[in-house]
mmCIF file of all heavy atoms, coordinates in Angstrom:
data_MODEL
# 
_entry.id   MODEL 
# 
loop_
_atom_site.group_PDB 
_atom_site.id 
_atom_site.type_symbol 
_atom_site.label_atom_id 
_atom_site.label_alt_id 
_atom_site.label_comp_id 
_atom_site.label_asym_id 
_atom_site.label_entity_id 
_atom_site.label_seq_id 
_atom_site.pdbx_PDB_ins_code 
_atom_site.Cartn_x 
_atom_site.Cartn_y 
_atom_site.Cartn_z 
_atom_site.occupancy 
_atom_site.B_iso_or_equiv 
_atom_site.pdbx_formal_charge 
_atom_site.auth_seq_id 
_atom_site.auth_comp_id 
_atom_site.auth_asym_id 
_atom_site.auth_atom_id 
_atom_site.pdbx_PDB_model_num 
ATOM 1   N N   . LEU A 1 1  ? -9.856  -13.548 -48.015 1.00 0.00 ? 1  LEU A N   1 
ATOM 2   C CA  . LEU A 1 1  ? -9.483  -12.386 -47.189 1.00 0.00 ? 1  LEU A CA  1 
ATOM 3   C C   . LEU A 1 1  ? -9.588  -12.826 -45.784 1.00 0.00 ? 1  LEU A C   1 
ATOM 4   O O   . LEU A 1 1  ? -10.185 -13.788 -45.325 1.00 0.00 ? 1  LEU A O   1 
ATOM 5   C CB  . LEU A 1 1  ? -10.528 -11.255 -47.529 1.00 0.00 ? 1  LEU A CB  1 
ATOM 6   C CG  . LEU A 1 1  ? -10.428 -10.653 -48.923 1.00 0.00 ? 1  LEU A CG  1 
ATOM 7   C CD1 . LEU A 1 1  ? -11.349 -9.464  -49.078 1.00 0.00 ? 1  LEU A CD1 1 
ATOM 8   C CD2 . LEU A 1 1  ? -9.016  -10.221 -49.172 1.00 0.00 ? 1  LEU A CD2 1 
ATOM 9   N N   . PRO A 1 2  ? -8.896  -12.028 -44.877 1.00 0.00 ? 2  PRO A N   1 
ATOM 10  C CA  . PRO A 1 2  ? -8.771  -12.374 -43.461 1.00 0.00 ? 2  PRO A CA  1 
ATOM 11  C C   . PRO A 1 2  ? -10.066 -12.106 -42.698 1.00 0.00 ? 2  PRO A C   1 
ATOM 12  O O   . PRO A 1 2  ? -10.064 -11.256 -41.753 1.00 0.00 ? 2  PRO A O   1 
ATOM 13  C CB  . PRO A 1 2  ? -7.590  -11.597 -42.965 1.00 0.00 ? 2  PRO A CB  1 
ATOM 14  C CG  . PRO A 1 2  ? -7.606  -10.342 -43.865 1.00 0.00 ? 2  PRO A CG  1 
ATOM 15  C CD  . PRO A 1 2  ? -8.036  -10.858 -45.227 1.00 0.00 ? 2  PRO A CD  1 
ATOM 16  N N   . TRP A 1 3  ? -11.207 -12.692 -42.997 1.00 0.00 ? 3  TRP A N   1 
ATOM 17  C CA  . TRP A 1 3  ? -12.390 -12.432 -42.381 1.00 0.00 ? 3  TRP A CA  1 
ATOM 18  C C   . TRP A 1 3  ? -12.486 -12.740 -40.883 1.00 0.00 ? 3  TRP A C   1 
ATOM 19  O O   . TRP A 1 3  ? -13.081 -12.041 -40.111 1.00 0.00 ? 3  TRP A O   1 
ATOM 20  C CB  . TRP A 1 3  ? -13.584 -13.120 -43.098 1.00 0.00 ? 3  TRP A CB  1 
ATOM 21  C CG  . TRP A 1 3  ? -13.739 -12.732 -44.549 1.00 0.00 ? 3  TRP A CG  1 
ATOM 22  C CD1 . TRP A 1 3  ? -13.434 -13.541 -45.615 1.00 0.00 ? 3  TRP A CD1 1 
ATOM 23  C CD2 . TRP A 1 3  ? -14.179 -11.462 -45.039 1.00 0.00 ? 3  TRP A CD2 1 
ATOM 24  N NE1 . TRP A 1 3  ? -13.780 -12.749 -46.771 1.00 0.00 ? 3  TRP A NE1 1 
ATOM 25  C CE2 . TRP A 1 3  ? -14.115 -11.497 -46.386 1.00 0.00 ? 3  TRP A CE2 1 
ATOM 26  C CE3 . TRP A 1 3  ? -14.519 -10.248 -44.364 1.00 0.00 ? 3  TRP A CE3 1 
ATOM 27  C CZ2 . TRP A 1 3  ? -14.573 -10.475 -47.219 1.00 0.00 ? 3  TRP A CZ2 1 
ATOM 28  C CZ3 . TRP A 1 3  ? -14.887 -9.126  -45.175 1.00 0.00 ? 3  TRP A CZ3 1 
ATOM 29  C CH2 . TRP A 1 3  ? -14.902 -9.247  -46.581 1.00 0.00 ? 3  TRP A CH2 1 
ATOM 30  N N   . VAL A 1 4  ? -11.736 -13.821 -40.516 1.00 0.00 ? 4  VAL A N   1 
ATOM 31  C CA  . VAL A 1 4  ? -11.757 -14.139 -39.093 1.00 0.00 ? 4  VAL A CA  1 
ATOM 32  C C   . VAL A 1 4  ? -11.115 -13.095 -38.206 1.00 0.00 ? 4  VAL A C   1 
ATOM 33  O O   . VAL A 1 4  ? -11.390 -13.053 -36.980 1.00 0.00 ? 4  VAL A O   1 
ATOM 34  C CB  . VAL A 1 4  ? -11.061 -15.621 -38.891 1.00 0.00 ? 4  VAL A CB  1 
ATOM 35  C CG1 . VAL A 1 4  ? -11.759 -16.655 -39.521 1.00 0.00 ? 4  VAL A CG1 1 
ATOM 36  C CG2 . VAL A 1 4  ? -9.635  -15.459 -39.336 1.00 0.00 ? 4  VAL A CG2 1 
ATOM 37  N N   . ALA A 1 5  ? -10.321 -12.259 -38.774 1.00 0.00 ? 5  ALA A N   1 
ATOM 38  C CA  . ALA A 1 5  ? -9.651  -11.127 -38.034 1.00 0.00 ? 5  ALA A CA  1 
ATOM 39  C C   . ALA A 1 5  ? -10.285 -9.820  -38.346 1.00 0.00 ? 5  ALA A C   1 
ATOM 40  O O   . ALA A 1 5  ? -9.717  -8.784  -38.051 1.00 0.00 ? 5  ALA A O   1 
ATOM 41  C CB  . ALA A 1 5  ? -8.172  -11.126 -38.278 1.00 0.00 ? 5  ALA A CB  1 
ATOM 42  N N   . THR A 1 6  ? -11.405 -9.878  -38.961 1.00 0.00 ? 6  THR A N   1 
ATOM 43  C CA  . THR A 1 6  ? -12.077 -8.566  -39.432 1.00 0.00 ? 6  THR A CA  1 
ATOM 44  C C   . THR A 1 6  ? -13.256 -8.174  -38.480 1.00 0.00 ? 6  THR A C   1 
ATOM 45  O O   . THR A 1 6  ? -14.035 -9.091  -38.088 1.00 0.00 ? 6  THR A O   1 
ATOM 46  C CB  . THR A 1 6  ? -12.713 -8.655  -40.848 1.00 0.00 ? 6  THR A CB  1 
ATOM 47  O OG1 . THR A 1 6  ? -11.583 -8.918  -41.782 1.00 0.00 ? 6  THR A OG1 1 
ATOM 48  C CG2 . THR A 1 6  ? -13.398 -7.416  -41.264 1.00 0.00 ? 6  THR A CG2 1 
ATOM 49  N N   . TRP A 1 7  ? -13.275 -6.908  -38.067 1.00 0.00 ? 7  TRP A N   1 
ATOM 50  C CA  . TRP A 1 7  ? -14.340 -6.379  -37.290 1.00 0.00 ? 7  TRP A CA  1 
ATOM 51  C C   . TRP A 1 7  ? -15.047 -5.274  -38.136 1.00 0.00 ? 7  TRP A C   1 
ATOM 52  O O   . TRP A 1 7  ? -14.386 -4.548  -38.875 1.00 0.00 ? 7  TRP A O   1 
ATOM 53  C CB  . TRP A 1 7  ? -13.816 -5.677  -36.021 1.00 0.00 ? 7  TRP A CB  1 
ATOM 54  C CG  . TRP A 1 7  ? -13.199 -6.635  -35.015 1.00 0.00 ? 7  TRP A CG  1 
ATOM 55  C CD1 . TRP A 1 7  ? -12.130 -7.444  -35.214 1.00 0.00 ? 7  TRP A CD1 1 
ATOM 56  C CD2 . TRP A 1 7  ? -13.563 -6.875  -33.707 1.00 0.00 ? 7  TRP A CD2 1 
ATOM 57  N NE1 . TRP A 1 7  ? -11.807 -8.141  -34.095 1.00 0.00 ? 7  TRP A NE1 1 
ATOM 58  C CE2 . TRP A 1 7  ? -12.766 -7.802  -33.129 1.00 0.00 ? 7  TRP A CE2 1 
ATOM 59  C CE3 . TRP A 1 7  ? -14.647 -6.359  -32.936 1.00 0.00 ? 7  TRP A CE3 1 
ATOM 60  C CZ2 . TRP A 1 7  ? -12.875 -8.250  -31.812 1.00 0.00 ? 7  TRP A CZ2 1 
ATOM 61  C CZ3 . TRP A 1 7  ? -14.785 -6.760  -31.586 1.00 0.00 ? 7  TRP A CZ3 1 
ATOM 62  C CH2 . TRP A 1 7  ? -13.899 -7.711  -31.091 1.00 0.00 ? 7  TRP A CH2 1 
ATOM 63  N N   . VAL A 1 8  ? -16.339 -5.209  -38.018 1.00 0.00 ? 8  VAL A N   1 
ATOM 64  C CA  . VAL A 1 8  ? -17.079 -4.198  -38.855 1.00 0.00 ? 8  VAL A CA  1 
ATOM 65  C C   . VAL A 1 8  ? -18.029 -3.416  -37.934 1.00 0.00 ? 8  VAL A C   1 
ATOM 66  O O   . VAL A 1 8  ? -18.630 -3.893  -36.936 1.00 0.00 ? 8  VAL A O   1 
ATOM 67  C CB  . VAL A 1 8  ? -17.908 -4.848  -39.944 1.00 0.00 ? 8  VAL A CB  1 
ATOM 68  C CG1 . VAL A 1 8  ? -16.997 -5.447  -40.953 1.00 0.00 ? 8  VAL A CG1 1 
ATOM 69  C CG2 . VAL A 1 8  ? -18.877 -5.854  -39.423 1.00 0.00 ? 8  VAL A CG2 1 
ATOM 70  N N   . THR A 1 9  ? -18.065 -2.140  -38.267 1.00 0.00 ? 9  THR A N   1 
ATOM 71  C CA  . THR A 1 9  ? -19.058 -1.223  -37.625 1.00 0.00 ? 9  THR A CA  1 
ATOM 72  C C   . THR A 1 9  ? -19.688 -0.365  -38.776 1.00 0.00 ? 9  THR A C   1 
ATOM 73  O O   . THR A 1 9  ? -19.378 -0.561  -39.971 1.00 0.00 ? 9  THR A O   1 
ATOM 74  C CB  . THR A 1 9  ? -18.279 -0.225  -36.708 1.00 0.00 ? 9  THR A CB  1 
ATOM 75  O OG1 . THR A 1 9  ? -17.196 0.427   -37.409 1.00 0.00 ? 9  THR A OG1 1 
ATOM 76  C CG2 . THR A 1 9  ? -17.698 -0.924  -35.557 1.00 0.00 ? 9  THR A CG2 1 
ATOM 77  N N   . TRP A 1 10 ? -20.612 0.492   -38.449 1.00 0.00 ? 10 TRP A N   1 
ATOM 78  C CA  . TRP A 1 10 ? -21.271 1.298   -39.431 1.00 0.00 ? 10 TRP A CA  1 
ATOM 79  C C   . TRP A 1 10 ? -21.265 2.806   -39.038 1.00 0.00 ? 10 TRP A C   1 
ATOM 80  O O   . TRP A 1 10 ? -21.405 3.162   -37.815 1.00 0.00 ? 10 TRP A O   1 
ATOM 81  C CB  . TRP A 1 10 ? -22.718 0.884   -39.519 1.00 0.00 ? 10 TRP A CB  1 
ATOM 82  C CG  . TRP A 1 10 ? -22.867 -0.304  -40.465 1.00 0.00 ? 10 TRP A CG  1 
ATOM 83  C CD1 . TRP A 1 10 ? -23.186 -0.250  -41.815 1.00 0.00 ? 10 TRP A CD1 1 
ATOM 84  C CD2 . TRP A 1 10 ? -22.714 -1.683  -40.013 1.00 0.00 ? 10 TRP A CD2 1 
ATOM 85  N NE1 . TRP A 1 10 ? -23.195 -1.592  -42.207 1.00 0.00 ? 10 TRP A NE1 1 
ATOM 86  C CE2 . TRP A 1 10 ? -22.875 -2.436  -41.196 1.00 0.00 ? 10 TRP A CE2 1 
ATOM 87  C CE3 . TRP A 1 10 ? -22.413 -2.285  -38.910 1.00 0.00 ? 10 TRP A CE3 1 
ATOM 88  C CZ2 . TRP A 1 10 ? -22.770 -3.812  -41.227 1.00 0.00 ? 10 TRP A CZ2 1 
ATOM 89  C CZ3 . TRP A 1 10 ? -22.267 -3.665  -38.833 1.00 0.00 ? 10 TRP A CZ3 1 
ATOM 90  C CH2 . TRP A 1 10 ? -22.462 -4.487  -40.004 1.00 0.00 ? 10 TRP A CH2 1 
ATOM 91  N N   . GLY A 1 11 ? -20.850 3.622   -39.971 1.00 0.00 ? 11 GLY A N   1 
ATOM 92  C CA  . GLY A 1 11 ? -20.795 5.079   -39.683 1.00 0.00 ? 11 GLY A CA  1 
ATOM 93  C C   . GLY A 1 11 ? -22.108 5.692   -39.335 1.00 0.00 ? 11 GLY A C   1 
ATOM 94  O O   . GLY A 1 11 ? -22.143 6.644   -38.630 1.00 0.00 ? 11 GLY A O   1 
ATOM 95  N N   . ASP A 1 12 ? -23.169 5.088   -39.901 1.00 0.00 ? 12 ASP A N   1 
ATOM 96  C CA  . ASP A 1 12 ? -24.496 5.631   -39.548 1.00 0.00 ? 12 ASP A CA  1 
ATOM 97  C C   . ASP A 1 12 ? -25.476 4.570   -39.853 1.00 0.00 ? 12 ASP A C   1 
ATOM 98  O O   . ASP A 1 12 ? -25.205 3.503   -40.425 1.00 0.00 ? 12 ASP A O   1 
ATOM 99  C CB  . ASP A 1 12 ? -24.824 6.903   -40.355 1.00 0.00 ? 12 ASP A CB  1 
ATOM 100 C CG  . ASP A 1 12 ? -25.220 6.639   -41.754 1.00 0.00 ? 12 ASP A CG  1 
ATOM 101 O OD1 . ASP A 1 12 ? -24.352 5.841   -42.435 1.00 0.00 ? 12 ASP A OD1 1 
ATOM 102 O OD2 . ASP A 1 12 ? -26.232 7.182   -42.293 1.00 0.00 ? 12 ASP A OD2 1 
ATOM 103 N N   . GLU A 1 13 ? -26.756 4.847   -39.398 1.00 0.00 ? 13 GLU A N   1 
ATOM 104 C CA  . GLU A 1 13 ? -27.886 3.838   -39.672 1.00 0.00 ? 13 GLU A CA  1 
ATOM 105 C C   . GLU A 1 13 ? -29.224 4.560   -39.592 1.00 0.00 ? 13 GLU A C   1 
ATOM 106 O O   . GLU A 1 13 ? -29.407 5.552   -38.922 1.00 0.00 ? 13 GLU A O   1 
ATOM 107 C CB  . GLU A 1 13 ? -27.798 2.784   -38.514 1.00 0.00 ? 13 GLU A CB  1 
ATOM 108 C CG  . GLU A 1 13 ? -28.812 1.729   -38.641 1.00 0.00 ? 13 GLU A CG  1 
ATOM 109 C CD  . GLU A 1 13 ? -28.677 0.824   -39.899 1.00 0.00 ? 13 GLU A CD  1 
ATOM 110 O OE1 . GLU A 1 13 ? -29.183 1.324   -40.992 1.00 0.00 ? 13 GLU A OE1 1 
ATOM 111 O OE2 . GLU A 1 13 ? -28.082 -0.273  -39.882 1.00 0.00 ? 13 GLU A OE2 1 
ATOM 112 N N   . ARG A 1 14 ? -30.078 4.028   -40.480 1.00 0.00 ? 14 ARG A N   1 
ATOM 113 C CA  . ARG A 1 14 ? -31.460 4.500   -40.240 1.00 0.00 ? 14 ARG A CA  1 
ATOM 114 C C   . ARG A 1 14 ? -32.085 3.828   -39.100 1.00 0.00 ? 14 ARG A C   1 
ATOM 115 O O   . ARG A 1 14 ? -31.781 2.705   -38.771 1.00 0.00 ? 14 ARG A O   1 
ATOM 116 C CB  . ARG A 1 14 ? -32.283 4.034   -41.593 1.00 0.00 ? 14 ARG A CB  1 
ATOM 117 C CG  . ARG A 1 14 ? -31.751 4.738   -42.887 1.00 0.00 ? 14 ARG A CG  1 
ATOM 118 C CD  . ARG A 1 14 ? -32.404 4.086   -44.092 1.00 0.00 ? 14 ARG A CD  1 
ATOM 119 N NE  . ARG A 1 14 ? -32.041 4.889   -45.300 1.00 0.00 ? 14 ARG A NE  1 
ATOM 120 C CZ  . ARG A 1 14 ? -30.939 4.543   -46.016 1.00 0.00 ? 14 ARG A CZ  1 
ATOM 121 N NH1 . ARG A 1 14 ? -30.130 3.541   -45.585 1.00 0.00 ? 14 ARG A NH1 1 
ATOM 122 N NH2 . ARG A 1 14 ? -30.664 5.198   -47.095 1.00 0.00 ? 14 ARG A NH2 1 
ATOM 123 N N   . TYR A 1 15 ? -32.963 4.610   -38.340 1.00 0.00 ? 15 TYR A N   1 
ATOM 124 C CA  . TYR A 1 15 ? -33.437 4.031   -37.126 1.00 0.00 ? 15 TYR A CA  1 
ATOM 125 C C   . TYR A 1 15 ? -34.629 3.166   -37.426 1.00 0.00 ? 15 TYR A C   1 
ATOM 126 O O   . TYR A 1 15 ? -35.792 3.529   -37.164 1.00 0.00 ? 15 TYR A O   1 
ATOM 127 C CB  . TYR A 1 15 ? -33.782 5.103   -36.115 1.00 0.00 ? 15 TYR A CB  1 
ATOM 128 C CG  . TYR A 1 15 ? -33.730 4.531   -34.680 1.00 0.00 ? 15 TYR A CG  1 
ATOM 129 C CD1 . TYR A 1 15 ? -32.568 4.062   -34.186 1.00 0.00 ? 15 TYR A CD1 1 
ATOM 130 C CD2 . TYR A 1 15 ? -34.887 4.517   -33.973 1.00 0.00 ? 15 TYR A CD2 1 
ATOM 131 C CE1 . TYR A 1 15 ? -32.468 3.467   -32.909 1.00 0.00 ? 15 TYR A CE1 1 
ATOM 132 C CE2 . TYR A 1 15 ? -34.771 3.941   -32.672 1.00 0.00 ? 15 TYR A CE2 1 
ATOM 133 C CZ  . TYR A 1 15 ? -33.667 3.455   -32.142 1.00 0.00 ? 15 TYR A CZ  1 
ATOM 134 O OH  . TYR A 1 15 ? -33.628 2.913   -30.856 1.00 0.00 ? 15 TYR A OH  1 
ATOM 135 N N   . VAL A 1 16 ? -34.265 1.902   -37.879 1.00 0.00 ? 16 VAL A N   1 
ATOM 136 C CA  . VAL A 1 16 ? -35.309 0.966   -38.275 1.00 0.00 ? 16 VAL A CA  1 
ATOM 137 C C   . VAL A 1 16 ? -34.834 -0.410  -37.784 1.00 0.00 ? 16 VAL A C   1 
ATOM 138 O O   . VAL A 1 16 ? -33.658 -0.563  -37.478 1.00 0.00 ? 16 VAL A O   1 
ATOM 139 C CB  . VAL A 1 16 ? -35.478 0.910   -39.781 1.00 0.00 ? 16 VAL A CB  1 
ATOM 140 C CG1 . VAL A 1 16 ? -36.043 2.255   -40.371 1.00 0.00 ? 16 VAL A CG1 1 
ATOM 141 C CG2 . VAL A 1 16 ? -34.202 0.558   -40.536 1.00 0.00 ? 16 VAL A CG2 1 
ATOM 142 N N   . PRO A 1 17 ? -35.769 -1.436  -37.706 1.00 0.00 ? 17 PRO A N   1 
ATOM 143 C CA  . PRO A 1 17 ? -35.276 -2.696  -37.339 1.00 0.00 ? 17 PRO A CA  1 
ATOM 144 C C   . PRO A 1 17 ? -34.265 -3.303  -38.230 1.00 0.00 ? 17 PRO A C   1 
ATOM 145 O O   . PRO A 1 17 ? -34.169 -2.906  -39.444 1.00 0.00 ? 17 PRO A O   1 
ATOM 146 C CB  . PRO A 1 17 ? -36.567 -3.575  -37.454 1.00 0.00 ? 17 PRO A CB  1 
ATOM 147 C CG  . PRO A 1 17 ? -37.681 -2.579  -37.332 1.00 0.00 ? 17 PRO A CG  1 
ATOM 148 C CD  . PRO A 1 17 ? -37.197 -1.269  -37.975 1.00 0.00 ? 17 PRO A CD  1 
ATOM 149 N N   . HIS A 1 18 ? -33.331 -4.161  -37.732 1.00 0.00 ? 18 HIS A N   1 
ATOM 150 C CA  . HIS A 1 18 ? -32.284 -4.692  -38.529 1.00 0.00 ? 18 HIS A CA  1 
ATOM 151 C C   . HIS A 1 18 ? -32.660 -5.496  -39.718 1.00 0.00 ? 18 HIS A C   1 
ATOM 152 O O   . HIS A 1 18 ? -31.994 -5.605  -40.653 1.00 0.00 ? 18 HIS A O   1 
ATOM 153 C CB  . HIS A 1 18 ? -31.379 -5.562  -37.578 1.00 0.00 ? 18 HIS A CB  1 
ATOM 154 C CG  . HIS A 1 18 ? -30.694 -4.779  -36.553 1.00 0.00 ? 18 HIS A CG  1 
ATOM 155 N ND1 . HIS A 1 18 ? -30.062 -5.309  -35.341 1.00 0.00 ? 18 HIS A ND1 1 
ATOM 156 C CD2 . HIS A 1 18 ? -30.376 -3.414  -36.434 1.00 0.00 ? 18 HIS A CD2 1 
ATOM 157 C CE1 . HIS A 1 18 ? -29.540 -4.405  -34.686 1.00 0.00 ? 18 HIS A CE1 1 
ATOM 158 N NE2 . HIS A 1 18 ? -29.731 -3.223  -35.255 1.00 0.00 ? 18 HIS A NE2 1 
ATOM 159 N N   . ASP A 1 19 ? -33.897 -5.958  -39.651 1.00 0.00 ? 19 ASP A N   1 
ATOM 160 C CA  . ASP A 1 19 ? -34.375 -6.759  -40.913 1.00 0.00 ? 19 ASP A CA  1 
ATOM 161 C C   . ASP A 1 19 ? -35.181 -5.851  -41.782 1.00 0.00 ? 19 ASP A C   1 
ATOM 162 O O   . ASP A 1 19 ? -35.779 -6.334  -42.829 1.00 0.00 ? 19 ASP A O   1 
ATOM 163 C CB  . ASP A 1 19 ? -35.163 -7.942  -40.408 1.00 0.00 ? 19 ASP A CB  1 
ATOM 164 C CG  . ASP A 1 19 ? -36.426 -7.591  -39.615 1.00 0.00 ? 19 ASP A CG  1 
ATOM 165 O OD1 . ASP A 1 19 ? -36.565 -6.357  -39.318 1.00 0.00 ? 19 ASP A OD1 1 
ATOM 166 O OD2 . ASP A 1 19 ? -37.138 -8.496  -39.181 1.00 0.00 ? 19 ASP A OD2 1 
ATOM 167 N N   . ASP A 1 20 ? -35.248 -4.543  -41.603 1.00 0.00 ? 20 ASP A N   1 
ATOM 168 C CA  . ASP A 1 20 ? -35.967 -3.646  -42.414 1.00 0.00 ? 20 ASP A CA  1 
ATOM 169 C C   . ASP A 1 20 ? -35.181 -3.447  -43.778 1.00 0.00 ? 20 ASP A C   1 
ATOM 170 O O   . ASP A 1 20 ? -33.881 -3.304  -43.778 1.00 0.00 ? 20 ASP A O   1 
ATOM 171 C CB  . ASP A 1 20 ? -36.109 -2.297  -41.729 1.00 0.00 ? 20 ASP A CB  1 
ATOM 172 C CG  . ASP A 1 20 ? -37.054 -1.306  -42.556 1.00 0.00 ? 20 ASP A CG  1 
ATOM 173 O OD1 . ASP A 1 20 ? -36.584 -0.861  -43.567 1.00 0.00 ? 20 ASP A OD1 1 
ATOM 174 O OD2 . ASP A 1 20 ? -38.158 -1.092  -42.099 1.00 0.00 ? 20 ASP A OD2 1 
ATOM 175 N N   . PRO A 1 21 ? -35.781 -3.451  -44.925 1.00 0.00 ? 21 PRO A N   1 
ATOM 176 C CA  . PRO A 1 21 ? -35.048 -3.247  -46.186 1.00 0.00 ? 21 PRO A CA  1 
ATOM 177 C C   . PRO A 1 21 ? -34.176 -1.989  -46.206 1.00 0.00 ? 21 PRO A C   1 
ATOM 178 O O   . PRO A 1 21 ? -33.190 -1.916  -47.016 1.00 0.00 ? 21 PRO A O   1 
ATOM 179 C CB  . PRO A 1 21 ? -36.121 -3.177  -47.196 1.00 0.00 ? 21 PRO A CB  1 
ATOM 180 C CG  . PRO A 1 21 ? -37.297 -3.945  -46.586 1.00 0.00 ? 21 PRO A CG  1 
ATOM 181 C CD  . PRO A 1 21 ? -37.198 -3.627  -45.140 1.00 0.00 ? 21 PRO A CD  1 
ATOM 182 N N   . GLN A 1 22 ? -34.507 -0.956  -45.403 1.00 0.00 ? 22 GLN A N   1 
ATOM 183 C CA  . GLN A 1 22 ? -33.680 0.263   -45.352 1.00 0.00 ? 22 GLN A CA  1 
ATOM 184 C C   . GLN A 1 22 ? -32.548 0.143   -44.472 1.00 0.00 ? 22 GLN A C   1 
ATOM 185 O O   . GLN A 1 22 ? -31.680 1.088   -44.520 1.00 0.00 ? 22 GLN A O   1 
ATOM 186 C CB  . GLN A 1 22 ? -34.581 1.416   -44.966 1.00 0.00 ? 22 GLN A CB  1 
ATOM 187 C CG  . GLN A 1 22 ? -35.749 1.761   -45.940 1.00 0.00 ? 22 GLN A CG  1 
ATOM 188 C CD  . GLN A 1 22 ? -36.326 3.033   -45.540 1.00 0.00 ? 22 GLN A CD  1 
ATOM 189 O OE1 . GLN A 1 22 ? -35.831 4.114   -45.712 1.00 0.00 ? 22 GLN A OE1 1 
ATOM 190 N NE2 . GLN A 1 22 ? -37.570 2.926   -45.085 1.00 0.00 ? 22 GLN A NE2 1 
ATOM 191 N N   . SER A 1 23 ? -32.362 -0.852  -43.745 1.00 0.00 ? 23 SER A N   1 
ATOM 192 C CA  . SER A 1 23 ? -31.266 -0.896  -42.820 1.00 0.00 ? 23 SER A CA  1 
ATOM 193 C C   . SER A 1 23 ? -29.870 -1.051  -43.428 1.00 0.00 ? 23 SER A C   1 
ATOM 194 O O   . SER A 1 23 ? -29.740 -1.981  -44.267 1.00 0.00 ? 23 SER A O   1 
ATOM 195 C CB  . SER A 1 23 ? -31.453 -2.157  -41.817 1.00 0.00 ? 23 SER A CB  1 
ATOM 196 O OG  . SER A 1 23 ? -30.299 -2.394  -41.093 1.00 0.00 ? 23 SER A OG  1 
ATOM 197 N N   . ASN A 1 24 ? -28.958 -0.287  -43.115 1.00 0.00 ? 24 ASN A N   1 
ATOM 198 C CA  . ASN A 1 24 ? -27.607 -0.415  -43.761 1.00 0.00 ? 24 ASN A CA  1 
ATOM 199 C C   . ASN A 1 24 ? -27.020 -1.723  -43.324 1.00 0.00 ? 24 ASN A C   1 
ATOM 200 O O   . ASN A 1 24 ? -26.340 -2.418  -44.073 1.00 0.00 ? 24 ASN A O   1 
ATOM 201 C CB  . ASN A 1 24 ? -26.731 0.795   -43.233 1.00 0.00 ? 24 ASN A CB  1 
ATOM 202 C CG  . ASN A 1 24 ? -27.062 2.038   -43.843 1.00 0.00 ? 24 ASN A CG  1 
ATOM 203 O OD1 . ASN A 1 24 ? -27.726 2.080   -44.868 1.00 0.00 ? 24 ASN A OD1 1 
ATOM 204 N ND2 . ASN A 1 24 ? -26.640 3.131   -43.199 1.00 0.00 ? 24 ASN A ND2 1 
ATOM 205 N N   . TYR A 1 25 ? -27.141 -2.125  -41.979 1.00 0.00 ? 25 TYR A N   1 
ATOM 206 C CA  . TYR A 1 25 ? -26.628 -3.374  -41.564 1.00 0.00 ? 25 TYR A CA  1 
ATOM 207 C C   . TYR A 1 25 ? -27.313 -4.541  -42.223 1.00 0.00 ? 25 TYR A C   1 
ATOM 208 O O   . TYR A 1 25 ? -26.692 -5.523  -42.710 1.00 0.00 ? 25 TYR A O   1 
ATOM 209 C CB  . TYR A 1 25 ? -26.856 -3.517  -39.983 1.00 0.00 ? 25 TYR A CB  1 
ATOM 210 C CG  . TYR A 1 25 ? -26.892 -4.956  -39.509 1.00 0.00 ? 25 TYR A CG  1 
ATOM 211 C CD1 . TYR A 1 25 ? -25.683 -5.675  -39.570 1.00 0.00 ? 25 TYR A CD1 1 
ATOM 212 C CD2 . TYR A 1 25 ? -27.992 -5.546  -39.123 1.00 0.00 ? 25 TYR A CD2 1 
ATOM 213 C CE1 . TYR A 1 25 ? -25.729 -6.975  -39.169 1.00 0.00 ? 25 TYR A CE1 1 
ATOM 214 C CE2 . TYR A 1 25 ? -27.982 -6.894  -38.647 1.00 0.00 ? 25 TYR A CE2 1 
ATOM 215 C CZ  . TYR A 1 25 ? -26.864 -7.645  -38.719 1.00 0.00 ? 25 TYR A CZ  1 
ATOM 216 O OH  . TYR A 1 25 ? -26.829 -8.911  -38.376 1.00 0.00 ? 25 TYR A OH  1 
ATOM 217 N N   . GLY A 1 26 ? -28.663 -4.392  -42.400 1.00 0.00 ? 26 GLY A N   1 
ATOM 218 C CA  . GLY A 1 26 ? -29.430 -5.541  -43.008 1.00 0.00 ? 26 GLY A CA  1 
ATOM 219 C C   . GLY A 1 26 ? -28.933 -5.758  -44.445 1.00 0.00 ? 26 GLY A C   1 
ATOM 220 O O   . GLY A 1 26 ? -28.737 -6.930  -44.923 1.00 0.00 ? 26 GLY A O   1 
# 
């Protein structure tokens, strides 16, 4: 897939550190 041309965002997030198990990004 064209990953080099892909940008990602998140519609929402739990307000936790990025390495928290609950983080959508993590």
